[in-house]
């Protein structure tokens, strides 16, 4: 079994140690959010912190450990409302939107979040609050995990595709509206023998990229929560 950063004893800082794990996470997150995974290296991080690599490795022995640390930092940003304040349905809606917003702030996340288990303290705290939220809906105990997992799977799957679409537009080097218009023209040409798809392409490209992606997300999340609400009332 792998030895994860969360299950190892944390080394005590020496008297000469000036770095903290929290400082390392903040600096590394800044690099990831601007340069992506390809732009992050332990050497670059040490330079940004003005520290030697030895000091960095004292806190985070490997790059994989660093990624685990940063994934857990993202989970700590997500809002999971108290069902006593919001109600489970409104709370689940806020949770879904908060999760989407966190991934959009950290577009590198979809590339790594399924490659390692999320067992850090923030992930566990999020899960605990989520179980309380979905438990308040009245699901049987064995279905609470499934209900929460369904919402997380929908959000993470949809926003992962959204991140990829936004990245395509960014890499084109053109304004988003110009990129969407070019995509519309090409798609309409390919779909000239498929009138239903031509109409669909026109509908989807009649709005801005952000509006279209957001509308798609909102519709799907609402429909999923409608289904869960119907299921729990059976």
Protein backbone atom coordinates (compact mmCIF):
# COMPACT_ATOMS: atom_id res chain seq x y z
CA UNK A 1 0.00 0.00 0.00
CA UNK A 2 1.20 3.52 -0.83
CA UNK A 3 2.45 5.72 1.96
CA UNK A 4 0.47 8.97 1.67
CA UNK A 5 1.51 12.33 3.09
CA UNK A 6 -1.54 12.29 5.35
CA UNK A 7 -0.63 9.04 7.08
CA UNK A 8 3.01 9.91 7.86
CA UNK A 9 4.14 11.57 11.03
CA UNK A 10 4.75 15.25 10.33
CA UNK A 11 8.38 16.18 10.90
CA UNK A 12 8.92 18.84 13.55
CA UNK A 13 10.46 22.04 12.22
CA UNK A 14 14.05 22.67 13.19
CA UNK A 15 15.07 25.87 14.94
CA UNK A 16 16.50 27.19 11.68
CA UNK A 17 13.45 26.29 9.61
CA UNK A 18 11.61 29.33 8.23
CA UNK A 19 9.19 27.62 5.85
CA UNK A 20 5.83 26.10 6.74
CA UNK A 21 3.67 23.63 4.83
CA UNK A 22 1.04 26.36 4.52
CA UNK A 23 3.52 28.75 2.86
CA UNK A 24 4.57 26.02 0.46
CA UNK A 25 0.95 25.27 -0.48
CA UNK A 26 0.17 28.95 -1.13
CA UNK A 27 3.20 29.44 -3.38
CA UNK A 28 2.68 26.17 -5.26
CA UNK A 29 -1.01 26.95 -5.83
CA UNK A 30 -0.06 30.30 -7.39
CA UNK A 31 2.23 28.53 -9.85
CA UNK A 32 -0.33 25.86 -10.71
CA UNK A 33 -3.17 28.32 -11.25
CA UNK A 34 -1.13 30.41 -13.69
CA UNK A 35 1.12 27.83 -15.38
CA UNK A 36 -0.62 24.50 -14.91
CA UNK A 37 0.93 21.19 -13.93
CA UNK A 38 3.64 21.44 -16.57
CA UNK A 39 4.86 24.68 -15.03
CA UNK A 40 5.27 23.31 -11.50
CA UNK A 41 8.59 21.88 -10.37
CA UNK A 42 10.16 21.57 -6.97
CA UNK A 43 13.09 23.69 -8.16
CA UNK A 44 10.82 26.50 -9.37
CA UNK A 45 8.83 26.35 -6.16
CA UNK A 46 11.98 26.56 -4.03
CA UNK A 47 13.10 29.60 -6.02
CA UNK A 48 9.72 31.30 -5.59
CA UNK A 49 9.93 30.74 -1.86
CA UNK A 50 13.51 31.98 -1.75
CA UNK A 51 14.49 28.74 -0.09
CA UNK A 52 16.79 25.83 -0.74
CA UNK A 53 15.41 22.56 -2.02
CA UNK A 54 16.47 20.81 1.18
CA UNK A 55 14.15 22.99 3.24
CA UNK A 56 11.29 22.35 0.82
CA UNK A 57 11.79 18.57 0.86
CA UNK A 58 11.74 18.60 4.65
CA UNK A 59 8.05 19.48 4.51
CA UNK A 60 7.04 17.90 1.18
CA UNK A 61 9.34 15.02 0.20
CA UNK A 62 8.03 14.53 -3.38
CA UNK A 63 6.07 16.33 -6.07
CA UNK A 64 3.29 13.75 -5.64
CA UNK A 65 3.07 14.74 -1.97
CA UNK A 66 2.82 18.36 -3.05
CA UNK A 67 -0.04 17.59 -5.43
CA UNK A 68 -1.86 15.70 -2.67
CA UNK A 69 -1.45 18.74 -0.43
CA UNK A 70 -2.81 21.10 -3.08
CA UNK A 71 -5.80 18.94 -3.98
CA UNK A 72 -6.78 18.99 -0.34
CA UNK A 73 -6.37 22.78 -0.27
CA UNK A 74 -8.99 23.01 -3.03
CA UNK A 75 -11.42 20.78 -1.12
CA UNK A 76 -11.06 23.22 1.76
CA UNK A 77 -12.46 26.04 -0.40
CA UNK A 78 -15.82 24.38 -1.07
CA UNK A 79 -18.93 25.48 0.76
CA UNK A 80 -21.21 22.77 2.12
CA UNK A 81 -24.12 24.55 3.84
CA UNK A 82 -25.78 23.44 7.05
CA UNK A 83 -29.14 21.90 6.07
CA UNK A 84 -30.75 23.51 9.12
CA UNK A 85 -30.02 26.89 7.56
CA UNK A 86 -30.50 26.24 3.86
CA UNK A 87 -32.54 23.05 3.59
CA UNK A 88 -31.01 20.05 1.86
CA UNK A 89 -32.10 20.95 -1.71
CA UNK A 90 -30.89 24.54 -1.58
CA UNK A 91 -27.78 23.39 0.26
CA UNK A 92 -27.00 20.78 -2.40
CA UNK A 93 -27.46 23.43 -5.08
CA UNK A 94 -25.02 25.77 -3.33
CA UNK A 95 -22.59 22.90 -2.82
CA UNK A 96 -22.67 22.06 -6.53
CA UNK A 97 -22.06 25.65 -7.59
CA UNK A 98 -19.28 26.06 -5.03
CA UNK A 99 -17.56 22.91 -6.29
CA UNK A 100 -17.79 24.10 -9.90
CA UNK A 101 -16.38 27.51 -8.98
CA UNK A 102 -13.45 25.90 -7.15
CA UNK A 103 -12.50 23.79 -10.18
CA UNK A 104 -12.76 26.81 -12.50
CA UNK A 105 -10.39 28.70 -10.16
CA UNK A 106 -7.97 25.78 -10.30
CA UNK A 107 -8.28 24.34 -13.83
CA UNK A 108 -5.37 21.93 -13.27
CA UNK A 109 -7.49 19.92 -10.82
CA UNK A 110 -9.31 17.64 -13.32
CA UNK A 111 -5.95 16.39 -14.58
CA UNK A 112 -4.97 14.95 -11.20
CA UNK A 113 -8.03 14.51 -9.00
CA UNK A 114 -8.77 10.97 -10.18
CA UNK A 115 -5.16 9.80 -10.04
CA UNK A 116 -4.92 9.64 -6.24
CA UNK A 117 -7.28 9.17 -3.30
CA UNK A 118 -8.61 12.28 -1.58
CA UNK A 119 -7.99 11.41 2.06
CA UNK A 120 -6.66 14.70 3.42
CA UNK A 121 -8.25 16.57 6.32
CA UNK A 122 -10.16 19.03 4.13
CA UNK A 123 -11.55 16.20 2.00
CA UNK A 124 -12.70 14.39 5.13
CA UNK A 125 -14.30 17.55 6.55
CA UNK A 126 -16.09 18.19 3.25
CA UNK A 127 -17.33 14.61 3.17
CA UNK A 128 -18.58 14.80 6.75
CA UNK A 129 -20.55 17.98 6.06
CA UNK A 130 -21.86 16.53 2.81
CA UNK A 131 -23.16 13.42 4.54
CA UNK A 132 -25.05 15.61 7.01
CA UNK A 133 -26.48 17.67 4.14
CA UNK A 134 -27.70 14.73 2.07
CA UNK A 135 -28.75 12.81 5.15
CA UNK A 136 -31.17 15.64 5.92
CA UNK A 137 -33.01 14.85 2.69
CA UNK A 138 -34.24 11.61 4.19
CA UNK A 139 -32.22 9.12 2.15
CA UNK A 140 -31.72 5.75 3.82
CA UNK A 141 -28.24 5.53 5.31
CA UNK A 142 -26.95 3.27 2.52
CA UNK A 143 -28.10 5.81 -0.11
CA UNK A 144 -26.63 8.96 1.44
CA UNK A 145 -23.19 8.17 0.02
CA UNK A 146 -24.73 7.45 -3.37
CA UNK A 147 -26.71 10.70 -3.46
CA UNK A 148 -23.69 12.81 -2.58
CA UNK A 149 -21.52 10.89 -5.03
CA UNK A 150 -24.06 11.45 -7.81
CA UNK A 151 -23.93 15.21 -7.35
CA UNK A 152 -20.13 15.29 -7.12
CA UNK A 153 -19.77 13.07 -10.19
CA UNK A 154 -22.11 15.28 -12.21
CA UNK A 155 -20.36 18.49 -11.17
CA UNK A 156 -16.81 17.21 -11.62
CA UNK A 157 -17.59 15.55 -14.96
CA UNK A 158 -19.37 18.59 -16.35
CA UNK A 159 -16.84 21.14 -15.14
CA UNK A 160 -13.93 19.00 -16.39
CA UNK A 161 -15.40 19.22 -19.89
CA UNK A 162 -15.98 22.94 -19.33
CA UNK A 163 -12.33 23.46 -18.37
CA UNK A 164 -11.24 21.67 -21.55
CA UNK A 165 -13.55 23.81 -23.70
CA UNK A 166 -12.34 27.04 -22.12
CA UNK A 167 -8.75 25.89 -22.63
CA UNK A 168 -9.39 25.26 -26.34
CA UNK A 169 -10.72 28.79 -26.68
CA UNK A 170 -7.76 30.22 -24.78
CA UNK A 171 -5.20 28.34 -26.85
CA UNK A 172 -6.74 29.63 -30.06
CA UNK A 173 -5.31 33.04 -29.21
CA UNK A 174 -8.51 34.75 -30.32
CA UNK A 175 -11.34 36.43 -28.40
CA UNK A 176 -13.90 33.88 -27.19
CA UNK A 177 -16.71 35.28 -29.33
CA UNK A 178 -14.57 34.97 -32.47
CA UNK A 179 -13.62 31.41 -31.52
CA UNK A 180 -17.29 30.48 -30.98
CA UNK A 181 -18.30 32.06 -34.31
CA UNK A 182 -15.61 30.13 -36.18
CA UNK A 183 -16.71 26.92 -34.47
CA UNK A 184 -20.32 27.62 -35.47
CA UNK A 185 -19.41 28.07 -39.15
CA UNK A 186 -17.37 24.89 -39.27
CA UNK A 187 -19.97 22.82 -37.40
CA UNK A 188 -22.78 24.08 -39.64
CA UNK A 189 -20.78 23.08 -42.71
CA UNK A 190 -20.22 19.57 -41.42
CA UNK A 191 -23.88 19.28 -40.34
CA UNK A 192 -25.39 20.56 -43.61
CA UNK A 193 -27.25 17.27 -44.12
CA UNK A 194 -28.48 17.20 -40.53
CA UNK A 195 -31.00 20.03 -40.08
CA UNK A 196 -31.71 19.20 -36.44
CA UNK A 197 -28.04 19.47 -35.57
CA UNK A 198 -27.67 22.70 -37.53
CA UNK A 199 -30.44 24.25 -35.43
CA UNK A 200 -28.81 22.91 -32.28
CA UNK A 201 -25.45 24.43 -33.25
CA UNK A 202 -27.09 27.80 -33.85
CA UNK A 203 -28.89 27.70 -30.51
CA UNK A 204 -25.73 26.83 -28.61
CA UNK A 205 -23.61 29.48 -30.29
CA UNK A 206 -26.20 32.27 -30.07
CA UNK A 207 -24.92 33.10 -26.58
CA UNK A 208 -21.49 33.76 -25.13
CA UNK A 209 -19.29 30.81 -24.23
CA UNK A 210 -19.65 31.55 -20.52
CA UNK A 211 -23.44 31.85 -20.71
CA UNK A 212 -23.76 28.63 -22.67
CA UNK A 213 -21.55 26.62 -20.33
CA UNK A 214 -23.27 28.01 -17.25
CA UNK A 215 -26.76 27.35 -18.62
CA UNK A 216 -25.77 23.78 -19.43
CA UNK A 217 -24.42 23.26 -15.91
CA UNK A 218 -27.43 24.80 -14.16
CA UNK A 219 -29.95 22.77 -16.17
CA UNK A 220 -28.19 19.49 -15.47
CA UNK A 221 -27.71 20.12 -11.75
CA UNK A 222 -31.35 21.15 -11.31
CA UNK A 223 -32.53 18.06 -13.20
CA UNK A 224 -30.32 15.79 -11.10
CA UNK A 225 -31.61 17.29 -7.86
CA UNK A 226 -35.18 16.95 -9.14
CA UNK A 227 -34.49 13.26 -9.67
CA UNK A 228 -32.97 12.81 -6.22
CA UNK A 229 -35.89 14.63 -4.64
CA UNK A 230 -38.37 12.38 -6.43
CA UNK A 231 -36.40 9.29 -5.44
CA UNK A 232 -36.28 10.13 -1.76
CA UNK A 233 -40.05 10.80 -1.69
CA UNK A 234 -40.96 7.34 -3.00
